[in-house]
Amino acid sequence: MTEAKTITVVQTKSPIGRPAHQRQALVGLKLNKIGRKAVLKDTPAIRGMIEKVAHLVRVEA
């Protein structure tokens, strides 16, 4: 069987004052506070959400 690849995403900045679609992307990534980490499957949908909020998060391998 193949292993499901994962991405670790860490929120580094606040969503205060950001557009609603960026706040919703953070919720979709299971992030809501600075310093929170989420381990997510590496899918095109997750990559798209990360791209929308790249200035608010850090991606770890």
PDB file of N, CA and C in Angstrom:
ATOM      1  N   MET A   1       0.835  -1.186   0.000  1.00  0.00           N
ATOM      2  CA  MET A   1       0.000   0.000   0.000  1.00  0.00           C
ATOM      3  C   MET A   1       0.880   1.251   0.000  1.00  0.00           C
ATOM      4  N   THR A   2       0.345   2.300  -0.532  1.00  0.00           N
ATOM      5  CA  THR A   2       1.087   3.545  -0.540  1.00  0.00           C
ATOM      6  C   THR A   2       0.723   4.374   0.676  1.00  0.00           C
ATOM      7  N   GLU A   3       1.707   5.094   1.173  1.00  0.00           N
ATOM      8  CA  GLU A   3       1.474   5.966   2.319  1.00  0.00           C
ATOM      9  C   GLU A   3       0.837   7.259   1.839  1.00  0.00           C
ATOM     10  N   ALA A   4      -0.097   7.766   2.616  1.00  0.00           N
ATOM     11  CA  ALA A   4      -0.702   9.060   2.299  1.00  0.00           C
ATOM     12  C   ALA A   4       0.279  10.146   2.723  1.00  0.00           C
ATOM     13  N   LYS A   5       0.632  11.016   1.799  1.00  0.00           N
ATOM     14  CA  LYS A   5       1.565  12.086   2.121  1.00  0.00           C
ATOM     15  C   LYS A   5       0.839  13.150   2.924  1.00  0.00           C
ATOM     16  N   THR A   6       1.567  13.771   3.834  1.00  0.00           N
ATOM     17  CA  THR A   6       0.966  14.805   4.675  1.00  0.00           C
ATOM     18  C   THR A   6       1.791  16.077   4.627  1.00  0.00           C
ATOM     19  N   ILE A   7       1.131  17.166   5.007  1.00  0.00           N
ATOM     20  CA  ILE A   7       1.753  18.482   5.098  1.00  0.00           C
ATOM     21  C   ILE A   7       1.445  19.016   6.490  1.00  0.00           C
ATOM     22  N   THR A   8       2.428  19.600   7.147  1.00  0.00           N
ATOM     23  CA  THR A   8       2.202  20.262   8.421  1.00  0.00           C
ATOM     24  C   THR A   8       2.162  21.762   8.157  1.00  0.00           C
ATOM     25  N   VAL A   9       1.077  22.390   8.596  1.00  0.00           N
ATOM     26  CA  VAL A   9       0.871  23.817   8.380  1.00  0.00           C
ATOM     27  C   VAL A   9       0.813  24.499   9.742  1.00  0.00           C
ATOM     28  N   VAL A  10       1.556  25.596   9.901  1.00  0.00           N
ATOM     29  CA  VAL A  10       1.589  26.347  11.153  1.00  0.00           C
ATOM     30  C   VAL A  10       1.117  27.765  10.873  1.00  0.00           C
ATOM     31  N   GLN A  11       0.150  28.254  11.655  1.00  0.00           N
ATOM     32  CA  GLN A  11      -0.328  29.627  11.484  1.00  0.00           C
ATOM     33  C   GLN A  11       0.666  30.579  12.148  1.00  0.00           C
ATOM     34  N   THR A  12       1.108  31.597  11.395  1.00  0.00           N
ATOM     35  CA  THR A  12       2.107  32.529  11.903  1.00  0.00           C
ATOM     36  C   THR A  12       1.571  33.946  12.084  1.00  0.00           C
ATOM     37  N   LYS A  13       0.449  34.261  11.458  1.00  0.00           N
ATOM     38  CA  LYS A  13      -0.116  35.609  11.560  1.00  0.00           C
ATOM     39  C   LYS A  13      -1.619  35.529  11.772  1.00  0.00           C
ATOM     40  N   SER A  14      -2.177  36.630  12.245  1.00  0.00           N
ATOM     41  CA  SER A  14      -3.593  36.704  12.572  1.00  0.00           C
ATOM     42  C   SER A  14      -4.447  36.985  11.336  1.00  0.00           C
ATOM     43  N   PRO A  15      -5.667  36.440  11.294  1.00  0.00           N
ATOM     44  CA  PRO A  15      -6.575  36.729  10.185  1.00  0.00           C
ATOM     45  C   PRO A  15      -7.392  38.009  10.388  1.00  0.00           C
ATOM     46  N   ILE A  16      -7.158  38.721  11.473  1.00  0.00           N
ATOM     47  CA  ILE A  16      -7.923  39.942  11.738  1.00  0.00           C
ATOM     48  C   ILE A  16      -7.684  40.944  10.613  1.00  0.00           C
ATOM     49  N   GLY A  17      -8.764  41.473  10.074  1.00  0.00           N
ATOM     50  CA  GLY A  17      -8.679  42.455   8.998  1.00  0.00           C
ATOM     51  C   GLY A  17      -8.489  41.859   7.616  1.00  0.00           C
ATOM     52  N   ARG A  18      -8.504  40.550   7.525  1.00  0.00           N
ATOM     53  CA  ARG A  18      -8.335  39.882   6.233  1.00  0.00           C
ATOM     54  C   ARG A  18      -9.705  39.615   5.621  1.00  0.00           C
ATOM     55  N   PRO A  19      -9.783  39.420   4.305  1.00  0.00           N
ATOM     56  CA  PRO A  19     -11.060  39.106   3.654  1.00  0.00           C
ATOM     57  C   PRO A  19     -11.644  37.784   4.171  1.00  0.00           C
ATOM     58  N   ALA A  20     -12.950  37.652   4.044  1.00  0.00           N
ATOM     59  CA  ALA A  20     -13.652  36.475   4.553  1.00  0.00           C
ATOM     60  C   ALA A  20     -13.137  35.177   3.938  1.00  0.00           C
ATOM     61  N   HIS A  21     -12.795  35.188   2.649  1.00  0.00           N
ATOM     62  CA  HIS A  21     -12.338  33.942   2.021  1.00  0.00           C
ATOM     63  C   HIS A  21     -11.018  33.463   2.610  1.00  0.00           C
ATOM     64  N   GLN A  22     -10.177  34.382   3.081  1.00  0.00           N
ATOM     65  CA  GLN A  22      -8.925  33.971   3.718  1.00  0.00           C
ATOM     66  C   GLN A  22      -9.185  33.407   5.111  1.00  0.00           C
ATOM     67  N   ARG A  23     -10.104  34.012   5.858  1.00  0.00           N
ATOM     68  CA  ARG A  23     -10.462  33.477   7.180  1.00  0.00           C
ATOM     69  C   ARG A  23     -11.074  32.089   7.041  1.00  0.00           C
ATOM     70  N   GLN A  24     -11.926  31.902   6.019  1.00  0.00           N
ATOM     71  CA  GLN A  24     -12.549  30.603   5.791  1.00  0.00           C
ATOM     72  C   GLN A  24     -11.521  29.557   5.379  1.00  0.00           C
ATOM     73  N   ALA A  25     -10.502  29.962   4.638  1.00  0.00           N
ATOM     74  CA  ALA A  25      -9.440  29.032   4.252  1.00  0.00           C
ATOM     75  C   ALA A  25      -8.683  28.552   5.487  1.00  0.00           C
ATOM     76  N   LEU A  26      -8.441  29.444   6.452  1.00  0.00           N
ATOM     77  CA  LEU A  26      -7.771  29.041   7.692  1.00  0.00           C
ATOM     78  C   LEU A  26      -8.625  28.047   8.468  1.00  0.00           C
ATOM     79  N   VAL A  27      -9.930  28.277   8.523  1.00  0.00           N
ATOM     80  CA  VAL A  27     -10.826  27.343   9.202  1.00  0.00           C
ATOM     81  C   VAL A  27     -10.793  25.997   8.486  1.00  0.00           C
ATOM     82  N   GLY A  28     -10.772  26.010   7.167  1.00  0.00           N
ATOM     83  CA  GLY A  28     -10.687  24.778   6.391  1.00  0.00           C
ATOM     84  C   GLY A  28      -9.388  24.023   6.630  1.00  0.00           C
ATOM     85  N   LEU A  29      -8.342  24.760   6.969  1.00  0.00           N
ATOM     86  CA  LEU A  29      -7.049  24.151   7.280  1.00  0.00           C
ATOM     87  C   LEU A  29      -6.931  23.772   8.749  1.00  0.00           C
ATOM     88  N   LYS A  30      -8.030  23.928   9.507  1.00  0.00           N
ATOM     89  CA  LYS A  30      -8.082  23.604  10.942  1.00  0.00           C
ATOM     90  C   LYS A  30      -7.154  24.486  11.759  1.00  0.00           C
ATOM     91  N   LEU A  31      -7.038  25.748  11.365  1.00  0.00           N
ATOM     92  CA  LEU A  31      -6.228  26.722  12.092  1.00  0.00           C
ATOM     93  C   LEU A  31      -7.126  27.859  12.539  1.00  0.00           C
ATOM     94  N   ASN A  32      -6.876  28.404  13.731  1.00  0.00           N
ATOM     95  CA  ASN A  32      -7.645  29.553  14.187  1.00  0.00           C
ATOM     96  C   ASN A  32      -6.887  30.436  15.168  1.00  0.00           C
ATOM     97  N   LYS A  33      -5.700  30.024  15.582  1.00  0.00           N
ATOM     98  CA  LYS A  33      -4.902  30.831  16.490  1.00  0.00           C
ATOM     99  C   LYS A  33      -3.440  30.773  16.041  1.00  0.00           C
ATOM    100  N   ILE A  34      -2.727  31.839  16.305  1.00  0.00           N
ATOM    101  CA  ILE A  34      -1.306  31.883  15.957  1.00  0.00           C
ATOM    102  C   ILE A  34      -0.567  30.785  16.721  1.00  0.00           C
ATOM    103  N   GLY A  35       0.277  30.061  16.008  1.00  0.00           N
ATOM    104  CA  GLY A  35       1.062  28.999  16.614  1.00  0.00           C
ATOM    105  C   GLY A  35       0.432  27.628  16.502  1.00  0.00           C
ATOM    106  N   ARG A  36      -0.830  27.541  16.080  1.00  0.00           N
ATOM    107  CA  ARG A  36      -1.479  26.245  15.928  1.00  0.00           C
ATOM    108  C   ARG A  36      -0.877  25.497  14.750  1.00  0.00           C
ATOM    109  N   LYS A  37      -0.787  24.169  14.906  1.00  0.00           N
ATOM    110  CA  LYS A  37      -0.283  23.310  13.846  1.00  0.00           C
ATOM    111  C   LYS A  37      -1.384  22.363  13.413  1.00  0.00           C
ATOM    112  N   ALA A  38      -1.395  22.033  12.142  1.00  0.00           N
ATOM    113  CA  ALA A  38      -2.333  21.047  11.613  1.00  0.00           C
ATOM    114  C   ALA A  38      -1.581  20.138  10.650  1.00  0.00           C
ATOM    115  N   VAL A  39      -1.791  18.845  10.790  1.00  0.00           N
ATOM    116  CA  VAL A  39      -1.213  17.866   9.879  1.00  0.00           C
ATOM    117  C   VAL A  39      -2.336  17.437   8.940  1.00  0.00           C
ATOM    118  N   LEU A  40      -2.160  17.717   7.655  1.00  0.00           N
ATOM    119  CA  LEU A  40      -3.218  17.507   6.665  1.00  0.00           C
ATOM    120  C   LEU A  40      -2.716  16.646   5.516  1.00  0.00           C
ATOM    121  N   LYS A  41      -3.659  15.990   4.825  1.00  0.00           N
ATOM    122  CA  LYS A  41      -3.310  15.219   3.636  1.00  0.00           C
ATOM    123  C   LYS A  41      -2.859  16.166   2.535  1.00  0.00           C
ATOM    124  N   ASP A  42      -1.918  15.724   1.739  1.00  0.00           N
ATOM    125  CA  ASP A  42      -1.405  16.526   0.627  1.00  0.00           C
ATOM    126  C   ASP A  42      -2.302  16.315  -0.590  1.00  0.00           C
ATOM    127  N   THR A  43      -3.330  17.167  -0.714  1.00  0.00           N
ATOM    128  CA  THR A  43      -4.259  17.089  -1.841  1.00  0.00           C
ATOM    129  C   THR A  43      -4.273  18.429  -2.570  1.00  0.00           C
ATOM    130  N   PRO A  44      -4.760  18.455  -3.796  1.00  0.00           N
ATOM    131  CA  PRO A  44      -4.846  19.726  -4.522  1.00  0.00           C
ATOM    132  C   PRO A  44      -5.725  20.764  -3.804  1.00  0.00           C
ATOM    133  N   ALA A  45      -6.787  20.313  -3.149  1.00  0.00           N
ATOM    134  CA  ALA A  45      -7.666  21.246  -2.426  1.00  0.00           C
ATOM    135  C   ALA A  45      -6.927  21.904  -1.262  1.00  0.00           C
ATOM    136  N   ILE A  46      -6.178  21.114  -0.520  1.00  0.00           N
ATOM    137  CA  ILE A  46      -5.408  21.653   0.612  1.00  0.00           C
ATOM    138  C   ILE A  46      -4.334  22.597   0.096  1.00  0.00           C
ATOM    139  N   ARG A  47      -3.664  22.207  -0.984  1.00  0.00           N
ATOM    140  CA  ARG A  47      -2.640  23.079  -1.574  1.00  0.00           C
ATOM    141  C   ARG A  47      -3.233  24.423  -1.997  1.00  0.00           C
ATOM    142  N   GLY A  48      -4.445  24.408  -2.553  1.00  0.00           N
ATOM    143  CA  GLY A  48      -5.105  25.637  -2.962  1.00  0.00           C
ATOM    144  C   GLY A  48      -5.418  26.538  -1.778  1.00  0.00           C
ATOM    145  N   MET A  49      -5.891  25.955  -0.667  1.00  0.00           N
ATOM    146  CA  MET A  49      -6.177  26.750   0.527  1.00  0.00           C
ATOM    147  C   MET A  49      -4.896  27.341   1.102  1.00  0.00           C
ATOM    148  N   ILE A  50      -3.825  26.551   1.091  1.00  0.00           N
ATOM    149  CA  ILE A  50      -2.541  27.055   1.585  1.00  0.00           C
ATOM    150  C   ILE A  50      -2.070  28.219   0.724  1.00  0.00           C
ATOM    151  N   GLU A  51      -2.249  28.113  -0.584  1.00  0.00           N
ATOM    152  CA  GLU A  51      -1.831  29.178  -1.495  1.00  0.00           C
ATOM    153  C   GLU A  51      -2.581  30.483  -1.210  1.00  0.00           C
ATOM    154  N   LYS A  52      -3.870  30.385  -0.863  1.00  0.00           N
ATOM    155  CA  LYS A  52      -4.662  31.579  -0.565  1.00  0.00           C
ATOM    156  C   LYS A  52      -4.164  32.311   0.674  1.00  0.00           C
ATOM    157  N   VAL A  53      -3.639  31.563   1.648  1.00  0.00           N
ATOM    158  CA  VAL A  53      -3.222  32.169   2.914  1.00  0.00           C
ATOM    159  C   VAL A  53      -1.727  31.972   3.164  1.00  0.00           C
ATOM    160  N   ALA A  54      -0.954  31.899   2.103  1.00  0.00           N
ATOM    161  CA  ALA A  54       0.489  31.644   2.230  1.00  0.00           C
ATOM    162  C   ALA A  54       1.186  32.709   3.082  1.00  0.00           C
ATOM    163  N   HIS A  55       0.642  33.926   3.090  1.00  0.00           N
ATOM    164  CA  HIS A  55       1.236  35.007   3.865  1.00  0.00           C
ATOM    165  C   HIS A  55       0.889  34.915   5.352  1.00  0.00           C
ATOM    166  N   LEU A  56      -0.002  33.986   5.726  1.00  0.00           N
ATOM    167  CA  LEU A  56      -0.424  33.826   7.120  1.00  0.00           C
ATOM    168  C   LEU A  56       0.072  32.523   7.740  1.00  0.00           C
ATOM    169  N   VAL A  57       0.615  31.624   6.922  1.00  0.00           N
ATOM    170  CA  VAL A  57       1.014  30.308   7.419  1.00  0.00           C
ATOM    171  C   VAL A  57       2.430  29.955   6.987  1.00  0.00           C
ATOM    172  N   ARG A  58       2.971  28.924   7.643  1.00  0.00           N
ATOM    173  CA  ARG A  58       4.271  28.360   7.276  1.00  0.00           C
ATOM    174  C   ARG A  58       4.051  26.872   7.048  1.00  0.00           C
ATOM    175  N   VAL A  59       4.615  26.336   5.984  1.00  0.00           N
ATOM    176  CA  VAL A  59       4.463  24.918   5.662  1.00  0.00           C
ATOM    177  C   VAL A  59       5.737  24.196   6.049  1.00  0.00           C
ATOM    178  N   GLU A  60       5.563  23.104   6.813  1.00  0.00           N
ATOM    179  CA  GLU A  60       6.687  22.265   7.200  1.00  0.00           C
ATOM    180  C   GLU A  60       6.550  20.924   6.485  1.00  0.00           C
ATOM    181  N   ALA A  61       7.663  20.276   6.255  1.00  0.00           N
ATOM    182  CA  ALA A  61       7.648  19.008   5.516  1.00  0.00           C
ATOM    183  C   ALA A  61       6.968  17.905   6.225  1.00  0.00           C
TER     184      ALA A  61
END
